Amino acid sequence: MKLSYGQAMDLLAEDRSVKASEVSARALRRKVWVYGHGQPGCMYDSGPYYTDTKASAIACVVGLLADDDCKGAVTALRRAHVFSNSYGVATIAGTTLGSIL
């Protein structure tokens, strides 16, 4: 039996390997939000992490940022999917489960 969307997301959250061939076709088409934080020029120092909603991705990536310099982060991430401060760059991106496997 193939993995459902929830099962695949749970495995990714546990940092376990998931192959597209192990996941149902319907689940592969579902939207996933990728988020992370890092220094400019690095893909991610913290991440990539995956979640199922844009709001959750924003909340989680803001939680990775240092508290002192986050003014405007939520608005910037909602609008442009990127926020930078003196500690680095935070990004979110919407894609499909199939494209990240």
C-alpha atoms as a PDB file:
ATOM      1  CA  MET A   1       0.000   0.000   0.000  1.00  0.00           C
ATOM      2  CA  LYS A   2       1.266   3.455  -0.916  1.00  0.00           C
ATOM      3  CA  LEU A   3       1.856   6.193   1.664  1.00  0.00           C
ATOM      4  CA  SER A   4      -0.764   8.883   2.140  1.00  0.00           C
ATOM      5  CA  TYR A   5       0.045  12.597   2.177  1.00  0.00           C
ATOM      6  CA  GLY A   6      -0.013  12.677   5.987  1.00  0.00           C
ATOM      7  CA  GLN A   7       2.214   9.634   6.309  1.00  0.00           C
ATOM      8  CA  ALA A   8       4.760  11.072   3.865  1.00  0.00           C
ATOM      9  CA  MET A   9       4.754  14.444   5.666  1.00  0.00           C
ATOM     10  CA  ASP A  10       5.252  12.676   9.011  1.00  0.00           C
ATOM     11  CA  LEU A  11       8.269  10.818   7.656  1.00  0.00           C
ATOM     12  CA  LEU A  12       9.742  14.052   6.276  1.00  0.00           C
ATOM     13  CA  ALA A  13       9.202  15.733   9.655  1.00  0.00           C
ATOM     14  CA  GLU A  14      11.197  12.895  11.235  1.00  0.00           C
ATOM     15  CA  ASP A  15      13.979  13.562   8.675  1.00  0.00           C
ATOM     16  CA  ARG A  16      13.440  10.128   7.150  1.00  0.00           C
ATOM     17  CA  SER A  17      13.842   9.252   3.488  1.00  0.00           C
ATOM     18  CA  VAL A  18      10.734   9.085   1.309  1.00  0.00           C
ATOM     19  CA  LYS A  19      10.704   8.045  -2.344  1.00  0.00           C
ATOM     20  CA  ALA A  20       8.051   9.265  -4.760  1.00  0.00           C
ATOM     21  CA  SER A  21       7.381   5.657  -5.794  1.00  0.00           C
ATOM     22  CA  GLU A  22       6.287   4.905  -2.204  1.00  0.00           C
ATOM     23  CA  VAL A  23       3.641   7.673  -2.155  1.00  0.00           C
ATOM     24  CA  SER A  24       0.171   7.651  -3.731  1.00  0.00           C
ATOM     25  CA  ALA A  25      -0.260   9.675  -6.920  1.00  0.00           C
ATOM     26  CA  ARG A  26      -2.942  11.818  -5.313  1.00  0.00           C
ATOM     27  CA  ALA A  27      -0.633  12.703  -2.409  1.00  0.00           C
ATOM     28  CA  LEU A  28       2.187  13.634  -4.794  1.00  0.00           C
ATOM     29  CA  ARG A  29      -0.037  16.361  -6.316  1.00  0.00           C
ATOM     30  CA  ARG A  30      -0.861  17.973  -2.954  1.00  0.00           C
ATOM     31  CA  LYS A  31       0.668  21.304  -1.997  1.00  0.00           C
ATOM     32  CA  VAL A  32       3.593  21.501   0.404  1.00  0.00           C
ATOM     33  CA  TRP A  33       5.186  24.612   1.859  1.00  0.00           C
ATOM     34  CA  VAL A  34       8.967  24.532   2.212  1.00  0.00           C
ATOM     35  CA  TYR A  35      10.609  26.893   4.683  1.00  0.00           C
ATOM     36  CA  GLY A  36      14.024  27.604   6.084  1.00  0.00           C
ATOM     37  CA  HIS A  37      16.524  30.198   7.217  1.00  0.00           C
ATOM     38  CA  GLY A  38      20.164  30.764   6.350  1.00  0.00           C
ATOM     39  CA  GLN A  39      22.965  33.130   5.532  1.00  0.00           C
ATOM     40  CA  PRO A  40      22.963  34.732   2.068  1.00  0.00           C
ATOM     41  CA  GLY A  41      24.574  32.362  -0.418  1.00  0.00           C
ATOM     42  CA  CYS A  42      23.647  29.248   1.573  1.00  0.00           C
ATOM     43  CA  MET A  43      20.582  27.229   0.689  1.00  0.00           C
ATOM     44  CA  TYR A  44      19.578  26.739   4.332  1.00  0.00           C
ATOM     45  CA  ASP A  45      21.449  26.735   7.610  1.00  0.00           C
ATOM     46  CA  SER A  46      18.191  25.711   9.248  1.00  0.00           C
ATOM     47  CA  GLY A  47      15.939  23.683   6.964  1.00  0.00           C
ATOM     48  CA  PRO A  48      14.504  22.823   4.604  1.00  0.00           C
ATOM     49  CA  TYR A  49      11.419  21.947   6.583  1.00  0.00           C
ATOM     50  CA  TYR A  50       7.972  21.093   5.233  1.00  0.00           C
ATOM     51  CA  THR A  51       4.418  21.907   6.244  1.00  0.00           C
ATOM     52  CA  ASP A  52       0.986  21.825   4.638  1.00  0.00           C
ATOM     53  CA  THR A  53      -0.099  25.474   4.920  1.00  0.00           C
ATOM     54  CA  LYS A  54       1.396  28.852   4.118  1.00  0.00           C
ATOM     55  CA  ALA A  55       0.378  30.195   7.540  1.00  0.00           C
ATOM     56  CA  SER A  56       2.179  27.349   9.270  1.00  0.00           C
ATOM     57  CA  ALA A  57       5.310  27.875   7.149  1.00  0.00           C
ATOM     58  CA  ILE A  58       5.348  31.567   8.075  1.00  0.00           C
ATOM     59  CA  ALA A  59       4.846  30.875  11.785  1.00  0.00           C
ATOM     60  CA  CYS A  60       7.543  28.208  11.814  1.00  0.00           C
ATOM     61  CA  VAL A  61      10.162  30.199   9.915  1.00  0.00           C
ATOM     62  CA  VAL A  62       9.555  33.290  12.059  1.00  0.00           C
ATOM     63  CA  GLY A  63      10.193  31.023  15.041  1.00  0.00           C
ATOM     64  CA  LEU A  64      13.639  30.270  13.597  1.00  0.00           C
ATOM     65  CA  LEU A  65      14.569  33.958  13.445  1.00  0.00           C
ATOM     66  CA  ALA A  66      16.283  35.841  16.243  1.00  0.00           C
ATOM     67  CA  ASP A  67      13.707  37.808  18.232  1.00  0.00           C
ATOM     68  CA  ASP A  68      15.526  41.145  18.142  1.00  0.00           C
ATOM     69  CA  ASP A  69      15.290  41.956  14.448  1.00  0.00           C
ATOM     70  CA  CYS A  70      12.019  40.475  13.116  1.00  0.00           C
ATOM     71  CA  LYS A  71       9.815  43.514  12.611  1.00  0.00           C
ATOM     72  CA  GLY A  72       7.884  43.081   9.367  1.00  0.00           C
ATOM     73  CA  ALA A  73       8.800  39.410   8.906  1.00  0.00           C
ATOM     74  CA  VAL A  74       5.252  38.064   8.724  1.00  0.00           C
ATOM     75  CA  THR A  75       4.140  40.707   6.221  1.00  0.00           C
ATOM     76  CA  ALA A  76       7.225  40.234   4.036  1.00  0.00           C
ATOM     77  CA  LEU A  77       6.816  36.462   4.027  1.00  0.00           C
ATOM     78  CA  ARG A  78       3.121  36.712   3.159  1.00  0.00           C
ATOM     79  CA  ARG A  79       3.776  39.087   0.261  1.00  0.00           C
ATOM     80  CA  ALA A  80       7.156  38.124  -1.188  1.00  0.00           C
ATOM     81  CA  HIS A  81       7.914  34.777   0.511  1.00  0.00           C
ATOM     82  CA  VAL A  82      11.267  36.145   1.702  1.00  0.00           C
ATOM     83  CA  PHE A  83      12.491  38.178   4.684  1.00  0.00           C
ATOM     84  CA  SER A  84      16.012  39.222   5.527  1.00  0.00           C
ATOM     85  CA  ASN A  85      17.517  40.709   8.649  1.00  0.00           C
ATOM     86  CA  SER A  86      20.970  40.981  10.158  1.00  0.00           C
ATOM     87  CA  TYR A  87      20.923  37.240  10.966  1.00  0.00           C
ATOM     88  CA  GLY A  88      20.195  35.969   7.455  1.00  0.00           C
ATOM     89  CA  VAL A  89      17.394  35.263   5.039  1.00  0.00           C
ATOM     90  CA  ALA A  90      14.139  33.406   5.735  1.00  0.00           C
ATOM     91  CA  THR A  91      12.172  31.948   2.831  1.00  0.00           C
ATOM     92  CA  ILE A  92       8.984  30.042   2.174  1.00  0.00           C
ATOM     93  CA  ALA A  93       7.932  28.436  -1.092  1.00  0.00           C
ATOM     94  CA  GLY A  94       4.853  26.563  -2.220  1.00  0.00           C
ATOM     95  CA  THR A  95       5.345  23.423  -4.294  1.00  0.00           C
ATOM     96  CA  THR A  96       3.998  19.879  -4.540  1.00  0.00           C
ATOM     97  CA  LEU A  97       4.988  16.857  -2.513  1.00  0.00           C
ATOM     98  CA  GLY A  98       6.075  15.108  -5.690  1.00  0.00           C
ATOM     99  CA  SER A  99       8.511  17.877  -6.589  1.00  0.00           C
ATOM    100  CA  ILE A 100      10.420  17.599  -3.307  1.00  0.00           C
ATOM    101  CA  LEU A 101      10.769  13.829  -3.347  1.00  0.00           C
END
